[in-house]
Amino acid sequence: MSSFGSFGAFLDMGGYAAFVWPSYALTLAVMGLNVFWAKRLLARSRQVARRRLAIQEESRLAAEAST
């Protein structure tokens, strides 16, 4: 059995709801932003890596063509 008598009592968190629910919301927001920023950084890193590989390939082909 739960320590809360009703769903309303659960939402009230024993009078600490003003502290508990914003903490959960802030934690969820930070975790969501962390995932968003990580995905964005990964996409940018992949783009930079592709650009560098393309430049290397162009340099290699130019070197082969000049020999």
Protein backbone atom coordinates (compact mmCIF):
# COMPACT_ATOMS: atom_id res chain seq x y z
CA MET A 1 0.00 0.00 0.00
CA SER A 2 1.22 3.46 -0.80
CA SER A 3 2.02 6.04 1.85
CA PHE A 4 -0.35 8.49 0.16
CA GLY A 5 -4.08 8.14 0.79
CA SER A 6 -5.16 9.55 -2.56
CA PHE A 7 -3.79 10.87 -5.81
CA GLY A 8 -4.35 14.41 -4.56
CA ALA A 9 -2.25 13.66 -1.50
CA PHE A 10 0.44 12.28 -3.78
CA LEU A 11 0.44 15.46 -5.85
CA ASP A 12 0.59 17.54 -2.65
CA MET A 13 3.68 15.57 -1.51
CA GLY A 14 2.92 16.16 2.15
CA GLY A 15 3.01 19.92 1.70
CA TYR A 16 6.32 19.93 -0.17
CA ALA A 17 4.86 19.97 -3.68
CA ALA A 18 6.13 23.52 -4.28
CA PHE A 19 9.67 22.17 -3.93
CA VAL A 20 9.33 18.64 -5.30
CA TRP A 21 7.59 19.20 -8.64
CA PRO A 22 9.74 22.13 -9.82
CA SER A 23 12.80 20.01 -8.95
CA TYR A 24 11.49 17.20 -11.12
CA ALA A 25 10.69 19.66 -13.93
CA LEU A 26 14.14 21.25 -13.75
CA THR A 27 15.84 17.85 -13.74
CA LEU A 28 13.81 16.71 -16.75
CA ALA A 29 14.59 19.95 -18.60
CA VAL A 30 18.33 19.65 -17.93
CA MET A 31 18.37 16.02 -19.03
CA GLY A 32 16.43 16.89 -22.19
CA LEU A 33 18.81 19.75 -23.00
CA ASN A 34 21.78 17.47 -22.39
CA VAL A 35 20.47 14.96 -24.93
CA PHE A 36 19.66 17.74 -27.42
CA TRP A 37 23.11 19.34 -27.10
CA ALA A 38 24.87 15.98 -27.34
CA LYS A 39 23.03 15.08 -30.54
CA ARG A 40 23.76 18.51 -32.01
CA LEU A 41 27.45 18.24 -31.13
CA LEU A 42 27.62 14.75 -32.63
CA ALA A 43 26.05 15.97 -35.88
CA ARG A 44 28.48 18.89 -36.08
CA SER A 45 31.46 16.64 -35.33
CA ARG A 46 30.43 14.23 -38.05
CA GLN A 47 30.06 17.11 -40.49
CA VAL A 48 33.57 18.39 -39.65
CA ALA A 49 35.01 14.88 -39.98
CA ARG A 50 33.37 14.43 -43.39
CA ARG A 51 34.76 17.78 -44.52
CA ARG A 52 38.27 16.83 -43.37
CA LEU A 53 38.07 13.46 -45.09
CA ALA A 54 36.95 15.13 -48.31
CA ILE A 55 39.89 17.55 -48.14
CA GLN A 56 42.29 14.67 -47.51
CA GLU A 57 40.85 12.74 -50.44
CA GLU A 58 41.17 15.77 -52.74
CA SER A 59 44.80 16.24 -51.63
CA ARG A 60 45.54 12.56 -52.22
CA LEU A 61 43.98 12.62 -55.69
CA ALA A 62 45.84 15.82 -56.59
CA ALA A 63 49.11 14.26 -55.46
CA GLU A 64 48.45 11.12 -57.54
CA ALA A 65 47.53 13.20 -60.58
CA SER A 66 50.72 15.28 -60.38
CA THR A 67 53.00 12.22 -60.29
